[in-house]
C-alpha atoms as a PDB file:
ATOM      1  CA  UNK A   1      62.731 -49.474 -33.934  1.00  0.00           C
ATOM      2  CA  UNK A   2      63.014 -50.356 -30.256  1.00  0.00           C
ATOM      3  CA  UNK A   3      62.578 -47.413 -27.881  1.00  0.00           C
ATOM      4  CA  UNK A   4      65.892 -45.823 -26.920  1.00  0.00           C
ATOM      5  CA  UNK A   5      66.895 -44.034 -23.746  1.00  0.00           C
ATOM      6  CA  UNK A   6      67.547 -40.304 -24.023  1.00  0.00           C
ATOM      7  CA  UNK A   7      71.306 -40.823 -23.784  1.00  0.00           C
ATOM      8  CA  UNK A   8      71.280 -43.589 -26.388  1.00  0.00           C
ATOM      9  CA  UNK A   9      69.212 -41.393 -28.703  1.00  0.00           C
ATOM     10  CA  UNK A  10      71.480 -38.352 -28.257  1.00  0.00           C
ATOM     11  CA  UNK A  11      74.665 -40.351 -28.862  1.00  0.00           C
ATOM     12  CA  UNK A  12      73.152 -42.138 -31.850  1.00  0.00           C
ATOM     13  CA  UNK A  13      72.359 -38.746 -33.387  1.00  0.00           C
ATOM     14  CA  UNK A  14      75.956 -37.654 -32.796  1.00  0.00           C
ATOM     15  CA  UNK A  15      77.205 -40.812 -34.469  1.00  0.00           C
ATOM     16  CA  UNK A  16      74.636 -40.315 -37.279  1.00  0.00           C
ATOM     17  CA  UNK A  17      73.062 -43.667 -36.551  1.00  0.00           C
ATOM     18  CA  UNK A  18      69.369 -44.485 -36.657  1.00  0.00           C
ATOM     19  CA  UNK A  19      67.214 -43.092 -33.869  1.00  0.00           C
ATOM     20  CA  UNK A  20      63.698 -43.944 -32.737  1.00  0.00           C
ATOM     21  CA  UNK A  21      62.973 -40.195 -32.859  1.00  0.00           C
ATOM     22  CA  UNK A  22      64.963 -36.975 -33.141  1.00  0.00           C
ATOM     23  CA  UNK A  23      66.534 -36.053 -29.793  1.00  0.00           C
ATOM     24  CA  UNK A  24      66.105 -32.677 -28.117  1.00  0.00           C
ATOM     25  CA  UNK A  25      68.753 -30.536 -26.427  1.00  0.00           C
ATOM     26  CA  UNK A  26      68.062 -26.961 -25.221  1.00  0.00           C
ATOM     27  CA  UNK A  27      71.187 -26.377 -25.679  1.00  0.00           C
ATOM     28  CA  UNK A  28      71.340 -23.795 -22.854  1.00  0.00           C
ATOM     29  CA  UNK A  29      68.555 -24.159 -20.306  1.00  0.00           C
ATOM     30  CA  UNK A  30      70.376 -23.485 -17.023  1.00  0.00           C
ATOM     31  CA  UNK A  31      69.523 -19.858 -16.244  1.00  0.00           C
ATOM     32  CA  UNK A  32      66.027 -20.231 -17.693  1.00  0.00           C
ATOM     33  CA  UNK A  33      65.336 -23.183 -15.389  1.00  0.00           C
ATOM     34  CA  UNK A  34      66.575 -21.273 -12.336  1.00  0.00           C
ATOM     35  CA  UNK A  35      64.259 -18.382 -13.152  1.00  0.00           C
ATOM     36  CA  UNK A  36      61.324 -20.715 -13.830  1.00  0.00           C
ATOM     37  CA  UNK A  37      61.726 -22.144 -10.323  1.00  0.00           C
ATOM     38  CA  UNK A  38      62.305 -18.629  -8.860  1.00  0.00           C
ATOM     39  CA  UNK A  39      65.825 -19.510  -7.689  1.00  0.00           C
ATOM     40  CA  UNK A  40      68.168 -16.544  -8.006  1.00  0.00           C
ATOM     41  CA  UNK A  41      71.601 -17.122  -9.479  1.00  0.00           C
ATOM     42  CA  UNK A  42      73.570 -16.307  -6.336  1.00  0.00           C
ATOM     43  CA  UNK A  43      71.537 -18.801  -4.307  1.00  0.00           C
ATOM     44  CA  UNK A  44      72.031 -21.449  -6.983  1.00  0.00           C
ATOM     45  CA  UNK A  45      75.803 -21.110  -6.615  1.00  0.00           C
ATOM     46  CA  UNK A  46      75.520 -21.329  -2.837  1.00  0.00           C
ATOM     47  CA  UNK A  47      73.170 -24.314  -2.995  1.00  0.00           C
ATOM     48  CA  UNK A  48      74.076 -26.768  -5.797  1.00  0.00           C
ATOM     49  CA  UNK A  49      71.305 -29.139  -4.740  1.00  0.00           C
ATOM     50  CA  UNK A  50      68.607 -26.539  -5.432  1.00  0.00           C
ATOM     51  CA  UNK A  51      70.288 -25.706  -8.732  1.00  0.00           C
ATOM     52  CA  UNK A  52      70.198 -29.365  -9.740  1.00  0.00           C
ATOM     53  CA  UNK A  53      66.559 -29.826  -8.717  1.00  0.00           C
ATOM     54  CA  UNK A  54      65.564 -26.861 -10.890  1.00  0.00           C
ATOM     55  CA  UNK A  55      67.125 -28.537 -13.926  1.00  0.00           C
ATOM     56  CA  UNK A  56      65.444 -31.851 -13.161  1.00  0.00           C
ATOM     57  CA  UNK A  57      62.072 -30.131 -12.868  1.00  0.00           C
ATOM     58  CA  UNK A  58      62.169 -28.546 -16.328  1.00  0.00           C
ATOM     59  CA  UNK A  59      63.797 -31.606 -17.874  1.00  0.00           C
ATOM     60  CA  UNK A  60      60.970 -33.797 -16.638  1.00  0.00           C
ATOM     61  CA  UNK A  61      58.380 -31.364 -18.001  1.00  0.00           C
ATOM     62  CA  UNK A  62      60.089 -30.852 -21.363  1.00  0.00           C
ATOM     63  CA  UNK A  63      61.579 -34.344 -21.728  1.00  0.00           C
ATOM     64  CA  UNK A  64      64.986 -33.111 -22.845  1.00  0.00           C
ATOM     65  CA  UNK A  65      67.313 -35.856 -24.061  1.00  0.00           C
ATOM     66  CA  UNK A  66      70.418 -33.814 -23.234  1.00  0.00           C
ATOM     67  CA  UNK A  67      71.045 -30.816 -20.975  1.00  0.00           C
ATOM     68  CA  UNK A  68      73.788 -28.680 -19.503  1.00  0.00           C
ATOM     69  CA  UNK A  69      74.822 -29.307 -15.907  1.00  0.00           C
ATOM     70  CA  UNK A  70      77.098 -26.263 -15.775  1.00  0.00           C
ATOM     71  CA  UNK A  71      75.689 -23.076 -17.294  1.00  0.00           C
ATOM     72  CA  UNK A  72      78.145 -20.700 -15.604  1.00  0.00           C
ATOM     73  CA  UNK A  73      80.291 -20.717 -18.743  1.00  0.00           C
ATOM     74  CA  UNK A  74      82.219 -17.538 -17.850  1.00  0.00           C
ATOM     75  CA  UNK A  75      83.391 -18.748 -14.431  1.00  0.00           C
ATOM     76  CA  UNK A  76      87.110 -18.450 -15.368  1.00  0.00           C
ATOM     77  CA  UNK A  77      86.712 -14.683 -15.852  1.00  0.00           C
ATOM     78  CA  UNK A  78      86.277 -14.020 -12.131  1.00  0.00           C
ATOM     79  CA  UNK A  79      88.915 -16.599 -11.207  1.00  0.00           C
ATOM     80  CA  UNK A  80      91.386 -14.642 -13.356  1.00  0.00           C
ATOM     81  CA  UNK A  81      90.691 -11.425 -11.448  1.00  0.00           C
ATOM     82  CA  UNK A  82      87.908  -9.554 -13.254  1.00  0.00           C
ATOM     83  CA  UNK A  83      85.144  -8.024 -11.201  1.00  0.00           C
ATOM     84  CA  UNK A  84      81.770  -9.493 -12.092  1.00  0.00           C
ATOM     85  CA  UNK A  85      78.143  -8.787 -11.323  1.00  0.00           C
ATOM     86  CA  UNK A  86      76.042 -11.814 -10.451  1.00  0.00           C
ATOM     87  CA  UNK A  87      72.412 -10.820 -11.046  1.00  0.00           C
ATOM     88  CA  UNK A  88      69.366 -12.526  -9.618  1.00  0.00           C
ATOM     89  CA  UNK A  89      68.332 -13.611 -13.114  1.00  0.00           C
ATOM     90  CA  UNK A  90      70.575 -14.539 -16.032  1.00  0.00           C
ATOM     91  CA  UNK A  91      74.297 -14.946 -16.415  1.00  0.00           C
ATOM     92  CA  UNK A  92      77.007 -12.979 -14.578  1.00  0.00           C
ATOM     93  CA  UNK A  93      78.383  -9.878 -16.319  1.00  0.00           C
ATOM     94  CA  UNK A  94      82.044  -8.888 -16.549  1.00  0.00           C
ATOM     95  CA  UNK A  95      82.431  -5.424 -15.024  1.00  0.00           C
ATOM     96  CA  UNK A  96      86.197  -4.838 -15.279  1.00  0.00           C
ATOM     97  CA  UNK A  97      88.741  -5.918 -17.892  1.00  0.00           C
ATOM     98  CA  UNK A  98      92.111  -6.668 -16.352  1.00  0.00           C
ATOM     99  CA  UNK A  99      94.468  -6.833 -19.346  1.00  0.00           C
ATOM    100  CA  UNK A 100      95.425  -3.247 -20.110  1.00  0.00           C
ATOM    101  CA  UNK A 101      98.565  -4.194 -22.029  1.00  0.00           C
ATOM    102  CA  UNK A 102     101.333  -6.786 -22.551  1.00  0.00           C
ATOM    103  CA  UNK A 103     102.990  -5.905 -19.228  1.00  0.00           C
ATOM    104  CA  UNK A 104      99.863  -7.022 -17.335  1.00  0.00           C
ATOM    105  CA  UNK A 105      99.611 -10.245 -19.314  1.00  0.00           C
ATOM    106  CA  UNK A 106     103.223 -11.097 -18.502  1.00  0.00           C
ATOM    107  CA  UNK A 107     102.438 -10.986 -14.774  1.00  0.00           C
ATOM    108  CA  UNK A 108      99.235 -13.031 -14.867  1.00  0.00           C
ATOM    109  CA  UNK A 109      99.109 -16.507 -13.366  1.00  0.00           C
ATOM    110  CA  UNK A 110      96.896 -19.397 -14.315  1.00  0.00           C
ATOM    111  CA  UNK A 111      93.974 -19.966 -11.920  1.00  0.00           C
ATOM    112  CA  UNK A 112      93.405 -23.319 -10.266  1.00  0.00           C
ATOM    113  CA  UNK A 113      89.924 -24.545 -11.318  1.00  0.00           C
ATOM    114  CA  UNK A 114      89.665 -26.574  -8.121  1.00  0.00           C
ATOM    115  CA  UNK A 115      89.795 -23.326  -6.140  1.00  0.00           C
ATOM    116  CA  UNK A 116      87.223 -21.524  -8.292  1.00  0.00           C
ATOM    117  CA  UNK A 117      84.102 -21.369  -6.117  1.00  0.00           C
ATOM    118  CA  UNK A 118      81.797 -21.114  -9.119  1.00  0.00           C
ATOM    119  CA  UNK A 119      83.357 -24.075 -10.907  1.00  0.00           C
ATOM    120  CA  UNK A 120      83.312 -26.085  -7.678  1.00  0.00           C
ATOM    121  CA  UNK A 121      79.610 -25.337  -7.260  1.00  0.00           C
ATOM    122  CA  UNK A 122      78.953 -26.469 -10.839  1.00  0.00           C
ATOM    123  CA  UNK A 123      80.853 -29.689 -10.160  1.00  0.00           C
ATOM    124  CA  UNK A 124      78.640 -30.370  -7.138  1.00  0.00           C
ATOM    125  CA  UNK A 125      75.511 -29.662  -9.182  1.00  0.00           C
ATOM    126  CA  UNK A 126      76.814 -31.978 -11.886  1.00  0.00           C
ATOM    127  CA  UNK A 127      77.453 -34.755  -9.382  1.00  0.00           C
ATOM    128  CA  UNK A 128      73.846 -34.553  -8.163  1.00  0.00           C
ATOM    129  CA  UNK A 129      72.472 -34.551 -11.716  1.00  0.00           C
ATOM    130  CA  UNK A 130      74.646 -37.488 -12.667  1.00  0.00           C
ATOM    131  CA  UNK A 131      73.364 -39.467  -9.699  1.00  0.00           C
ATOM    132  CA  UNK A 132      69.730 -38.578 -10.425  1.00  0.00           C
ATOM    133  CA  UNK A 133      69.505 -38.667 -14.233  1.00  0.00           C
ATOM    134  CA  UNK A 134      72.999 -39.390 -15.588  1.00  0.00           C
ATOM    135  CA  UNK A 135      72.250 -42.937 -16.699  1.00  0.00           C
ATOM    136  CA  UNK A 136      69.235 -41.784 -18.702  1.00  0.00           C
ATOM    137  CA  UNK A 137      70.216 -38.321 -20.017  1.00  0.00           C
ATOM    138  CA  UNK A 138      73.174 -36.986 -22.016  1.00  0.00           C
ATOM    139  CA  UNK A 139      74.860 -34.450 -19.722  1.00  0.00           C
ATOM    140  CA  UNK A 140      77.326 -31.742 -20.691  1.00  0.00           C
ATOM    141  CA  UNK A 141      79.016 -28.771 -19.061  1.00  0.00           C
ATOM    142  CA  UNK A 142      79.359 -25.322 -20.636  1.00  0.00           C
ATOM    143  CA  UNK A 143      82.626 -23.418 -21.042  1.00  0.00           C
ATOM    144  CA  UNK A 144      83.861 -20.296 -22.824  1.00  0.00           C
ATOM    145  CA  UNK A 145      86.255 -20.517 -25.809  1.00  0.00           C
ATOM    146  CA  UNK A 146      89.703 -18.827 -25.847  1.00  0.00           C
ATOM    147  CA  UNK A 147      88.810 -15.938 -28.175  1.00  0.00           C
ATOM    148  CA  UNK A 148      85.733 -14.951 -26.173  1.00  0.00           C
ATOM    149  CA  UNK A 149      87.649 -15.290 -22.901  1.00  0.00           C
ATOM    150  CA  UNK A 150      90.257 -12.842 -24.214  1.00  0.00           C
ATOM    151  CA  UNK A 151      87.411 -10.454 -25.066  1.00  0.00           C
ATOM    152  CA  UNK A 152      86.252 -10.569 -21.450  1.00  0.00           C
ATOM    153  CA  UNK A 153      89.751 -10.034 -20.062  1.00  0.00           C
ATOM    154  CA  UNK A 154      90.762  -7.310 -22.504  1.00  0.00           C
ATOM    155  CA  UNK A 155      87.379  -5.824 -23.424  1.00  0.00           C
ATOM    156  CA  UNK A 156      85.758  -6.673 -26.738  1.00  0.00           C
ATOM    157  CA  UNK A 157      86.227  -3.212 -28.264  1.00  0.00           C
ATOM    158  CA  UNK A 158      89.930  -3.213 -27.392  1.00  0.00           C
ATOM    159  CA  UNK A 159      90.282  -6.737 -28.745  1.00  0.00           C
ATOM    160  CA  UNK A 160      88.730  -5.755 -32.058  1.00  0.00           C
ATOM    161  CA  UNK A 161      91.311  -2.945 -32.395  1.00  0.00           C
ATOM    162  CA  UNK A 162      94.143  -5.263 -31.340  1.00  0.00           C
ATOM    163  CA  UNK A 163      93.342  -7.661 -34.188  1.00  0.00           C
ATOM    164  CA  UNK A 164      94.709  -5.039 -36.575  1.00  0.00           C
ATOM    165  CA  UNK A 165      97.025  -2.951 -34.388  1.00  0.00           C
ATOM    166  CA  UNK A 166      98.839  -5.709 -32.495  1.00  0.00           C
ATOM    167  CA  UNK A 167      98.032  -9.257 -33.683  1.00  0.00           C
ATOM    168  CA  UNK A 168     101.033 -10.687 -31.816  1.00  0.00           C
ATOM    169  CA  UNK A 169      99.605  -9.380 -28.534  1.00  0.00           C
ATOM    170  CA  UNK A 170      96.281 -11.022 -29.407  1.00  0.00           C
ATOM    171  CA  UNK A 171      98.005 -14.339 -30.018  1.00  0.00           C
ATOM    172  CA  UNK A 172      99.875 -14.038 -26.721  1.00  0.00           C
ATOM    173  CA  UNK A 173      96.566 -13.461 -24.916  1.00  0.00           C
ATOM    174  CA  UNK A 174      95.034 -16.378 -26.799  1.00  0.00           C
ATOM    175  CA  UNK A 175      97.862 -18.693 -25.782  1.00  0.00           C
ATOM    176  CA  UNK A 176      97.293 -17.739 -22.149  1.00  0.00           C
ATOM    177  CA  UNK A 177      93.510 -18.168 -22.313  1.00  0.00           C
ATOM    178  CA  UNK A 178      93.854 -21.481 -24.136  1.00  0.00           C
ATOM    179  CA  UNK A 179      95.976 -22.888 -21.313  1.00  0.00           C
ATOM    180  CA  UNK A 180      93.384 -21.658 -18.816  1.00  0.00           C
ATOM    181  CA  UNK A 181      90.587 -23.412 -20.645  1.00  0.00           C
ATOM    182  CA  UNK A 182      92.524 -26.608 -21.217  1.00  0.00           C
ATOM    183  CA  UNK A 183      92.985 -26.794 -17.439  1.00  0.00           C
ATOM    184  CA  UNK A 184      89.289 -26.090 -16.863  1.00  0.00           C
ATOM    185  CA  UNK A 185      88.252 -28.676 -19.460  1.00  0.00           C
ATOM    186  CA  UNK A 186      90.347 -31.368 -17.819  1.00  0.00           C
ATOM    187  CA  UNK A 187      88.901 -30.470 -14.425  1.00  0.00           C
ATOM    188  CA  UNK A 188      85.294 -30.420 -15.647  1.00  0.00           C
ATOM    189  CA  UNK A 189      85.657 -33.710 -17.513  1.00  0.00           C
ATOM    190  CA  UNK A 190      86.885 -35.341 -14.296  1.00  0.00           C
ATOM    191  CA  UNK A 191      83.236 -35.171 -13.186  1.00  0.00           C
ATOM    192  CA  UNK A 192      82.405 -37.966 -15.631  1.00  0.00           C
ATOM    193  CA  UNK A 193      79.963 -35.960 -17.769  1.00  0.00           C
ATOM    194  CA  UNK A 194      79.400 -36.968 -21.371  1.00  0.00           C
ATOM    195  CA  UNK A 195      80.944 -33.831 -22.838  1.00  0.00           C
ATOM    196  CA  UNK A 196      81.476 -30.083 -22.872  1.00  0.00           C
ATOM    197  CA  UNK A 197      79.846 -27.425 -25.034  1.00  0.00           C
ATOM    198  CA  UNK A 198      82.362 -24.703 -25.905  1.00  0.00           C
ATOM    199  CA  UNK A 199      80.902 -21.236 -26.529  1.00  0.00           C
ATOM    200  CA  UNK A 200      82.502 -18.556 -28.681  1.00  0.00           C
ATOM    201  CA  UNK A 201      80.021 -15.692 -29.192  1.00  0.00           C
ATOM    202  CA  UNK A 202      82.756 -13.105 -29.798  1.00  0.00           C
ATOM    203  CA  UNK A 203      83.896 -15.147 -32.828  1.00  0.00           C
ATOM    204  CA  UNK A 204      80.530 -14.502 -34.473  1.00  0.00           C
ATOM    205  CA  UNK A 205      80.323 -13.437 -38.083  1.00  0.00           C
ATOM    206  CA  UNK A 206      78.669 -10.309 -36.729  1.00  0.00           C
ATOM    207  CA  UNK A 207      81.962  -9.309 -35.072  1.00  0.00           C
ATOM    208  CA  UNK A 208      84.927 -10.766 -36.976  1.00  0.00           C
ATOM    209  CA  UNK A 209      85.622 -11.850 -40.540  1.00  0.00           C
ATOM    210  CA  UNK A 210      86.145 -15.438 -41.608  1.00  0.00           C
ATOM    211  CA  UNK A 211      89.840 -14.657 -42.087  1.00  0.00           C
ATOM    212  CA  UNK A 212      90.154 -13.414 -38.516  1.00  0.00           C
ATOM    213  CA  UNK A 213      88.156 -16.402 -37.288  1.00  0.00           C
ATOM    214  CA  UNK A 214      90.619 -18.744 -38.979  1.00  0.00           C
ATOM    215  CA  UNK A 215      93.580 -16.811 -37.586  1.00  0.00           C
ATOM    216  CA  UNK A 216      92.476 -16.020 -34.054  1.00  0.00           C
ATOM    217  CA  UNK A 217      89.772 -18.482 -33.007  1.00  0.00           C
ATOM    218  CA  UNK A 218      89.756 -21.779 -34.826  1.00  0.00           C
ATOM    219  CA  UNK A 219      93.071 -23.381 -33.826  1.00  0.00           C
ATOM    220  CA  UNK A 220      92.840 -22.257 -30.197  1.00  0.00           C
ATOM    221  CA  UNK A 221      89.360 -23.718 -29.771  1.00  0.00           C
ATOM    222  CA  UNK A 222      90.597 -26.853 -31.507  1.00  0.00           C
ATOM    223  CA  UNK A 223      93.293 -27.221 -28.826  1.00  0.00           C
ATOM    224  CA  UNK A 224      90.695 -27.035 -26.049  1.00  0.00           C
ATOM    225  CA  UNK A 225      88.425 -29.472 -27.872  1.00  0.00           C
ATOM    226  CA  UNK A 226      91.283 -31.981 -28.051  1.00  0.00           C
ATOM    227  CA  UNK A 227      91.524 -32.007 -24.258  1.00  0.00           C
ATOM    228  CA  UNK A 228      87.834 -32.942 -24.032  1.00  0.00           C
ATOM    229  CA  UNK A 229      88.263 -35.719 -26.602  1.00  0.00           C
ATOM    230  CA  UNK A 230      91.369 -36.996 -24.826  1.00  0.00           C
ATOM    231  CA  UNK A 231      89.176 -37.403 -21.727  1.00  0.00           C
ATOM    232  CA  UNK A 232      86.755 -39.513 -23.831  1.00  0.00           C
ATOM    233  CA  UNK A 233      84.215 -36.720 -23.926  1.00  0.00           C
ATOM    234  CA  UNK A 234      82.045 -35.443 -26.741  1.00  0.00           C
ATOM    235  CA  UNK A 235      82.706 -31.905 -27.945  1.00  0.00           C
ATOM    236  CA  UNK A 236      79.808 -29.574 -28.661  1.00  0.00           C
ATOM    237  CA  UNK A 237      80.409 -26.083 -30.033  1.00  0.00           C
ATOM    238  CA  UNK A 238      78.201 -22.997 -30.154  1.00  0.00           C
ATOM    239  CA  UNK A 239      78.980 -19.734 -31.938  1.00  0.00           C
ATOM    240  CA  UNK A 240      76.426 -16.936 -31.900  1.00  0.00           C
ATOM    241  CA  UNK A 241      75.402 -14.916 -34.926  1.00  0.00           C
ATOM    242  CA  UNK A 242      75.625 -15.724 -38.615  1.00  0.00           C
ATOM    243  CA  UNK A 243      78.437 -18.209 -39.220  1.00  0.00           C
ATOM    244  CA  UNK A 244      77.317 -19.271 -42.702  1.00  0.00           C
ATOM    245  CA  UNK A 245      80.592 -18.134 -44.285  1.00  0.00           C
ATOM    246  CA  UNK A 246      82.818 -20.160 -41.935  1.00  0.00           C
ATOM    247  CA  UNK A 247      81.056 -23.487 -41.579  1.00  0.00           C
ATOM    248  CA  UNK A 248      83.920 -25.457 -43.136  1.00  0.00           C
ATOM    249  CA  UNK A 249      86.381 -23.810 -40.746  1.00  0.00           C
ATOM    250  CA  UNK A 250      84.090 -24.657 -37.855  1.00  0.00           C
ATOM    251  CA  UNK A 251      83.874 -28.267 -38.980  1.00  0.00           C
ATOM    252  CA  UNK A 252      87.681 -28.430 -38.931  1.00  0.00           C
ATOM    253  CA  UNK A 253      87.609 -27.835 -35.162  1.00  0.00           C
ATOM    254  CA  UNK A 254      86.256 -31.400 -35.065  1.00  0.00           C
ATOM    255  CA  UNK A 255      83.471 -30.824 -32.587  1.00  0.00           C
ATOM    256  CA  UNK A 256      80.960 -33.666 -32.594  1.00  0.00           C
ATOM    257  CA  UNK A 257      78.014 -31.262 -32.543  1.00  0.00           C
ATOM    258  CA  UNK A 258      77.675 -27.724 -33.863  1.00  0.00           C
ATOM    259  CA  UNK A 259      74.937 -25.698 -32.192  1.00  0.00           C
ATOM    260  CA  UNK A 260      73.763 -23.126 -34.736  1.00  0.00           C
ATOM    261  CA  UNK A 261      72.370 -19.696 -34.086  1.00  0.00           C
ATOM    262  CA  UNK A 262      68.943 -19.174 -35.658  1.00  0.00           C
ATOM    263  CA  UNK A 263      70.579 -16.806 -38.191  1.00  0.00           C
ATOM    264  CA  UNK A 264      72.164 -19.782 -39.968  1.00  0.00           C
ATOM    265  CA  UNK A 265      69.927 -21.662 -42.389  1.00  0.00           C
ATOM    266  CA  UNK A 266      69.818 -25.299 -41.296  1.00  0.00           C
ATOM    267  CA  UNK A 267      69.468 -26.592 -44.835  1.00  0.00           C
ATOM    268  CA  UNK A 268      72.575 -24.684 -45.909  1.00  0.00           C
ATOM    269  CA  UNK A 269      74.485 -26.002 -42.879  1.00  0.00           C
ATOM    270  CA  UNK A 270      73.304 -29.540 -43.563  1.00  0.00           C
ATOM    271  CA  UNK A 271      74.475 -29.346 -47.172  1.00  0.00           C
ATOM    272  CA  UNK A 272      77.791 -27.764 -46.184  1.00  0.00           C
ATOM    273  CA  UNK A 273      78.957 -29.718 -43.115  1.00  0.00           C
ATOM    274  CA  UNK A 274      76.144 -32.119 -42.266  1.00  0.00           C
ATOM    275  CA  UNK A 275      78.304 -35.098 -43.241  1.00  0.00           C
ATOM    276  CA  UNK A 276      80.982 -33.973 -40.760  1.00  0.00           C
ATOM    277  CA  UNK A 277      79.016 -32.787 -37.747  1.00  0.00           C
ATOM    278  CA  UNK A 278      75.681 -33.318 -36.108  1.00  0.00           C
ATOM    279  CA  UNK A 279      73.695 -30.083 -36.055  1.00  0.00           C
ATOM    280  CA  UNK A 280      71.821 -28.772 -33.019  1.00  0.00           C
ATOM    281  CA  UNK A 281      69.122 -26.152 -33.362  1.00  0.00           C
ATOM    282  CA  UNK A 282      67.885 -23.827 -34.309  1.00  0.00           C
ATOM    283  CA  UNK A 283      64.489 -22.441 -33.316  1.00  0.00           C
ATOM    284  CA  UNK A 284      64.548 -18.647 -32.912  1.00  0.00           C
ATOM    285  CA  UNK A 285      64.922 -18.095 -29.132  1.00  0.00           C
ATOM    286  CA  UNK A 286      63.577 -14.532 -29.036  1.00  0.00           C
ATOM    287  CA  UNK A 287      60.897 -14.142 -31.684  1.00  0.00           C
ATOM    288  CA  UNK A 288      59.507 -17.677 -31.496  1.00  0.00           C
ATOM    289  CA  UNK A 289      60.277 -19.166 -28.094  1.00  0.00           C
ATOM    290  CA  UNK A 290      60.106 -16.015 -25.960  1.00  0.00           C
ATOM    291  CA  UNK A 291      57.481 -13.994 -27.816  1.00  0.00           C
ATOM    292  CA  UNK A 292      55.670 -16.638 -29.836  1.00  0.00           C
ATOM    293  CA  UNK A 293      53.016 -19.240 -29.139  1.00  0.00           C
ATOM    294  CA  UNK A 294      53.180 -23.029 -28.875  1.00  0.00           C
ATOM    295  CA  UNK A 295      51.763 -23.168 -32.410  1.00  0.00           C
ATOM    296  CA  UNK A 296      54.545 -20.888 -33.666  1.00  0.00           C
ATOM    297  CA  UNK A 297      57.140 -23.069 -31.982  1.00  0.00           C
ATOM    298  CA  UNK A 298      55.647 -26.264 -33.386  1.00  0.00           C
ATOM    299  CA  UNK A 299      55.671 -24.936 -36.947  1.00  0.00           C
ATOM    300  CA  UNK A 300      59.239 -23.644 -36.742  1.00  0.00           C
ATOM    301  CA  UNK A 301      60.429 -26.851 -35.087  1.00  0.00           C
ATOM    302  CA  UNK A 302      58.894 -28.937 -37.874  1.00  0.00           C
ATOM    303  CA  UNK A 303      60.578 -26.651 -40.419  1.00  0.00           C
ATOM    304  CA  UNK A 304      63.965 -27.209 -38.762  1.00  0.00           C
ATOM    305  CA  UNK A 305      63.471 -30.966 -38.887  1.00  0.00           C
ATOM    306  CA  UNK A 306      62.433 -30.883 -42.540  1.00  0.00           C
ATOM    307  CA  UNK A 307      65.594 -28.973 -43.451  1.00  0.00           C
ATOM    308  CA  UNK A 308      67.841 -31.707 -42.038  1.00  0.00           C
ATOM    309  CA  UNK A 309      65.657 -34.665 -42.837  1.00  0.00           C
ATOM    310  CA  UNK A 310      65.988 -35.566 -39.172  1.00  0.00           C
ATOM    311  CA  UNK A 311      69.389 -37.199 -39.728  1.00  0.00           C
ATOM    312  CA  UNK A 312      72.336 -35.996 -37.663  1.00  0.00           C
ATOM    313  CA  UNK A 313      70.072 -33.430 -36.046  1.00  0.00           C
ATOM    314  CA  UNK A 314      69.232 -32.542 -32.445  1.00  0.00           C
ATOM    315  CA  UNK A 315      66.264 -30.197 -32.075  1.00  0.00           C
ATOM    316  CA  UNK A 316      66.829 -27.180 -29.858  1.00  0.00           C
ATOM    317  CA  UNK A 317      67.007 -23.415 -29.688  1.00  0.00           C
ATOM    318  CA  UNK A 318      69.327 -21.241 -31.758  1.00  0.00           C
ATOM    319  CA  UNK A 319      70.939 -19.911 -28.555  1.00  0.00           C
ATOM    320  CA  UNK A 320      70.050 -19.594 -24.844  1.00  0.00           C
ATOM    321  CA  UNK A 321      66.492 -20.178 -23.761  1.00  0.00           C
ATOM    322  CA  UNK A 322      65.966 -16.740 -22.225  1.00  0.00           C
ATOM    323  CA  UNK A 323      64.673 -16.403 -18.652  1.00  0.00           C
ATOM    324  CA  UNK A 324      60.946 -15.722 -18.829  1.00  0.00           C
ATOM    325  CA  UNK A 325      60.404 -17.930 -21.886  1.00  0.00           C
ATOM    326  CA  UNK A 326      57.017 -19.699 -21.459  1.00  0.00           C
ATOM    327  CA  UNK A 327      57.587 -23.351 -20.667  1.00  0.00           C
ATOM    328  CA  UNK A 328      54.610 -24.230 -22.889  1.00  0.00           C
ATOM    329  CA  UNK A 329      56.687 -23.191 -25.895  1.00  0.00           C
ATOM    330  CA  UNK A 330      59.547 -25.484 -24.916  1.00  0.00           C
ATOM    331  CA  UNK A 331      57.279 -28.417 -24.089  1.00  0.00           C
ATOM    332  CA  UNK A 332      56.129 -28.338 -27.731  1.00  0.00           C
ATOM    333  CA  UNK A 333      59.428 -29.938 -28.786  1.00  0.00           C
ATOM    334  CA  UNK A 334      58.430 -33.309 -27.392  1.00  0.00           C
ATOM    335  CA  UNK A 335      55.423 -33.217 -29.726  1.00  0.00           C
ATOM    336  CA  UNK A 336      57.372 -31.914 -32.724  1.00  0.00           C
ATOM    337  CA  UNK A 337      59.837 -34.808 -32.728  1.00  0.00           C
ATOM    338  CA  UNK A 338      57.009 -37.361 -32.779  1.00  0.00           C
ATOM    339  CA  UNK A 339      55.229 -35.938 -35.832  1.00  0.00           C
ATOM    340  CA  UNK A 340      55.807 -36.967 -39.454  1.00  0.00           C
ATOM    341  CA  UNK A 341      58.006 -34.592 -41.446  1.00  0.00           C
END
C-alpha cells in the first residue's frame, strides 16, 4: 500500500478503511509535553507559541499521527466561577465548588467561551499547530463532558449523593452544563481542527453504575457530540476506569473513536463495539509507560494490536501520558506499529 500521511492514516482508521500501518494517538500528551520541555503550565497559557512548540517537539520525536492541541479540558470550570489552582506541572485543580443548591443554579449565567482566557490561549496554540503541522497531522481539542463538569461545579461527593436524593436537581445541573459545553464545542470547532475528544472521568464504572450512566451521562454527552458532528468534526470520547459493562451505551453516543482506559480489555471491546467505533488505546500509562521500560512498552503495545487485529484501532495510552514519563517509552510506539502481529 502507498505510504499515507498521518492525517490520512488516522482518518482511514476512523473510517475502518485500510491503512499502511496502525496510527498512533497519545491520546493526551499536552501536559506531559510541557513538562518534558520544562515549560510550566502558567507560562504555557501566557505564551501559546511556546506551548505549541513543546507539542511539535515531542510529536516529531514520537511520530504521533494525531495529537491534542488543547489539553486544558477543564477550562469552563474557572469561567463559570470556581476557584482553581494552576500548578507548574499537570492539569489545573478545582478548589471551590460553586453550586451549593438549586437556588445558586437558578442564578448562574452561561460563560462566553470567547472571553475565557484559557480557551482563548488554547485557540491561539491550536492556530499555530494548524499552521505548522495541520496538513500532516490529525488535530483535536480536549473538552470535559457534562456529567464531569457538574461534578466539578457541585463537588463529586455531593453529586454522588444527589443521584439518589435529588435526581431532578442533577438533571437541571446537567442541562445547564450541557448548554455550556455545546457553546464551547462550537467555539473550539471554529478553529478548524479535525475534532474534539470529550472526557468523562466521573462517569467511570468505578464511580457510577451502568444504569446511572445511561440516565445521567449518555444523552447529555450525545447532545454535545452532535454539535461537533454538525461542525463537520470527528468526535472522540474518553471515559476513565472500567467501562466494560457499558460499552454498548457508550457506542450509542455515536463518537467516532472511543479511547479506552487500560482497565478495559481491548479484545472484549473489539468484540462488543468494534464494528461501531474505532478503538484508541490502551497501554497502561502508570505501570508500563511511567514505571516500565521500552521493552515492556513494546510487548504491551504488540499485545494491544493483536487483540484488535490492527483494524479500527489507534495505538495509544489508556489515559493521560503522565508528566515525567520517559520519552523512550513513548517513542517505542513508532516501532510497535511497524512490526508483524
